């Protein structure tokens, strides 16, 4: 993270209020923006091998997969819920 911040000039006091991850115009990266980027990479991967990617893939798929991996590794479900920002299990 330190290297990323240094590479993008986010480690200087004058820029401490800038978003850590920004879009092409320097504004906060939104969920829609992340979905757009993900779809571009998924489409590129499908060009090389159409069976490489599932039919549907979204940022939520990554959240769900991470939650399942944490649960399978023995992490308490309450901690998983809290890390994902959900109100209920």
C-alpha atoms as a PDB file:
ATOM      1  CA  UNK A   1       0.000   0.000   0.000  1.00  0.00           C
ATOM      2  CA  UNK A   2       2.873   2.341   0.775  1.00  0.00           C
ATOM      3  CA  UNK A   3       4.323   1.783  -2.696  1.00  0.00           C
ATOM      4  CA  UNK A   4       0.917   2.364  -4.333  1.00  0.00           C
ATOM      5  CA  UNK A   5       0.496   5.617  -2.425  1.00  0.00           C
ATOM      6  CA  UNK A   6       3.992   6.716  -3.388  1.00  0.00           C
ATOM      7  CA  UNK A   7       3.471   5.799  -7.057  1.00  0.00           C
ATOM      8  CA  UNK A   8       0.282   7.879  -7.239  1.00  0.00           C
ATOM      9  CA  UNK A   9       1.494  10.782  -5.114  1.00  0.00           C
ATOM     10  CA  UNK A  10      -0.944  10.075  -2.304  1.00  0.00           C
ATOM     11  CA  UNK A  11       1.729  10.070   0.380  1.00  0.00           C
ATOM     12  CA  UNK A  12       2.107  13.849   0.602  1.00  0.00           C
ATOM     13  CA  UNK A  13       0.039  15.943   3.040  1.00  0.00           C
ATOM     14  CA  UNK A  14      -1.495  18.142   0.315  1.00  0.00           C
ATOM     15  CA  UNK A  15      -3.192  15.086  -1.189  1.00  0.00           C
ATOM     16  CA  UNK A  16      -4.319  13.291   1.952  1.00  0.00           C
ATOM     17  CA  UNK A  17      -7.990  14.036   1.214  1.00  0.00           C
ATOM     18  CA  UNK A  18      -7.880  12.504  -2.284  1.00  0.00           C
ATOM     19  CA  UNK A  19      -9.517   9.098  -2.691  1.00  0.00           C
ATOM     20  CA  UNK A  20      -7.191   6.132  -2.361  1.00  0.00           C
ATOM     21  CA  UNK A  21      -8.655   4.560  -5.503  1.00  0.00           C
ATOM     22  CA  UNK A  22      -9.907   6.947  -8.143  1.00  0.00           C
ATOM     23  CA  UNK A  23     -11.488   6.808 -11.576  1.00  0.00           C
ATOM     24  CA  UNK A  24     -10.002   8.276 -14.737  1.00  0.00           C
ATOM     25  CA  UNK A  25     -11.065  11.830 -13.780  1.00  0.00           C
ATOM     26  CA  UNK A  26      -9.608  11.596 -10.259  1.00  0.00           C
ATOM     27  CA  UNK A  27     -12.884  11.119  -8.407  1.00  0.00           C
ATOM     28  CA  UNK A  28     -13.727   8.325  -5.962  1.00  0.00           C
ATOM     29  CA  UNK A  29     -13.951   4.918  -7.620  1.00  0.00           C
ATOM     30  CA  UNK A  30     -17.559   3.747  -7.355  1.00  0.00           C
ATOM     31  CA  UNK A  31     -19.127   0.307  -7.333  1.00  0.00           C
ATOM     32  CA  UNK A  32     -20.235   0.902 -10.911  1.00  0.00           C
ATOM     33  CA  UNK A  33     -16.659   1.753 -11.864  1.00  0.00           C
ATOM     34  CA  UNK A  34     -15.345  -1.423 -10.272  1.00  0.00           C
ATOM     35  CA  UNK A  35     -17.987  -3.450 -12.141  1.00  0.00           C
ATOM     36  CA  UNK A  36     -16.932  -1.781 -15.405  1.00  0.00           C
ATOM     37  CA  UNK A  37     -13.249  -2.618 -14.830  1.00  0.00           C
ATOM     38  CA  UNK A  38     -14.073  -6.197 -13.823  1.00  0.00           C
ATOM     39  CA  UNK A  39     -16.208  -6.735 -16.933  1.00  0.00           C
ATOM     40  CA  UNK A  40     -13.362  -5.517 -19.160  1.00  0.00           C
ATOM     41  CA  UNK A  41     -10.947  -8.026 -17.633  1.00  0.00           C
ATOM     42  CA  UNK A  42     -13.514 -10.833 -17.737  1.00  0.00           C
ATOM     43  CA  UNK A  43     -14.205 -10.155 -21.425  1.00  0.00           C
ATOM     44  CA  UNK A  44     -10.471 -10.111 -22.193  1.00  0.00           C
ATOM     45  CA  UNK A  45     -10.001 -13.430 -20.386  1.00  0.00           C
ATOM     46  CA  UNK A  46     -12.910 -14.954 -22.290  1.00  0.00           C
ATOM     47  CA  UNK A  47     -11.254 -14.018 -25.592  1.00  0.00           C
ATOM     48  CA  UNK A  48      -8.329 -16.277 -24.743  1.00  0.00           C
ATOM     49  CA  UNK A  49     -10.488 -19.080 -23.332  1.00  0.00           C
ATOM     50  CA  UNK A  50     -14.280 -18.776 -23.224  1.00  0.00           C
ATOM     51  CA  UNK A  51     -14.511 -21.460 -20.527  1.00  0.00           C
ATOM     52  CA  UNK A  52     -12.088 -19.617 -18.250  1.00  0.00           C
ATOM     53  CA  UNK A  53     -14.726 -17.402 -16.645  1.00  0.00           C
ATOM     54  CA  UNK A  54     -18.182 -18.191 -15.264  1.00  0.00           C
ATOM     55  CA  UNK A  55     -21.226 -16.806 -17.071  1.00  0.00           C
ATOM     56  CA  UNK A  56     -21.827 -14.222 -14.366  1.00  0.00           C
ATOM     57  CA  UNK A  57     -19.132 -12.545 -12.322  1.00  0.00           C
ATOM     58  CA  UNK A  58     -19.540  -9.407 -10.248  1.00  0.00           C
ATOM     59  CA  UNK A  59     -17.741  -7.655  -7.400  1.00  0.00           C
ATOM     60  CA  UNK A  60     -20.303  -9.254  -5.099  1.00  0.00           C
ATOM     61  CA  UNK A  61     -19.072 -12.672  -6.289  1.00  0.00           C
ATOM     62  CA  UNK A  62     -15.649 -11.822  -4.848  1.00  0.00           C
ATOM     63  CA  UNK A  63     -17.180 -10.715  -1.537  1.00  0.00           C
ATOM     64  CA  UNK A  64     -19.204 -13.911  -1.335  1.00  0.00           C
ATOM     65  CA  UNK A  65     -16.207 -16.103  -2.198  1.00  0.00           C
ATOM     66  CA  UNK A  66     -14.043 -14.388   0.419  1.00  0.00           C
ATOM     67  CA  UNK A  67     -16.760 -14.814   3.048  1.00  0.00           C
ATOM     68  CA  UNK A  68     -17.040 -18.529   2.252  1.00  0.00           C
ATOM     69  CA  UNK A  69     -13.249 -18.996   2.426  1.00  0.00           C
ATOM     70  CA  UNK A  70     -13.121 -17.214   5.779  1.00  0.00           C
ATOM     71  CA  UNK A  71     -15.987 -19.341   7.108  1.00  0.00           C
ATOM     72  CA  UNK A  72     -14.321 -22.551   5.899  1.00  0.00           C
ATOM     73  CA  UNK A  73     -11.089 -21.535   7.625  1.00  0.00           C
ATOM     74  CA  UNK A  74     -12.875 -21.246  10.956  1.00  0.00           C
ATOM     75  CA  UNK A  75     -13.436 -17.499  11.253  1.00  0.00           C
ATOM     76  CA  UNK A  76     -16.443 -16.648  13.405  1.00  0.00           C
ATOM     77  CA  UNK A  77     -19.470 -15.722  11.302  1.00  0.00           C
ATOM     78  CA  UNK A  78     -20.045 -12.553  13.340  1.00  0.00           C
ATOM     79  CA  UNK A  79     -16.548 -11.308  12.410  1.00  0.00           C
ATOM     80  CA  UNK A  80     -17.186 -12.084   8.748  1.00  0.00           C
ATOM     81  CA  UNK A  81     -20.478 -10.193   8.885  1.00  0.00           C
ATOM     82  CA  UNK A  82     -18.787  -7.193  10.463  1.00  0.00           C
ATOM     83  CA  UNK A  83     -15.915  -7.146   7.973  1.00  0.00           C
ATOM     84  CA  UNK A  84     -18.411  -7.142   5.086  1.00  0.00           C
ATOM     85  CA  UNK A  85     -20.421  -4.348   6.690  1.00  0.00           C
ATOM     86  CA  UNK A  86     -23.659  -6.303   7.006  1.00  0.00           C
ATOM     87  CA  UNK A  87     -26.154  -5.752   9.817  1.00  0.00           C
ATOM     88  CA  UNK A  88     -27.253  -9.357  10.186  1.00  0.00           C
ATOM     89  CA  UNK A  89     -25.740 -12.746   9.574  1.00  0.00           C
END
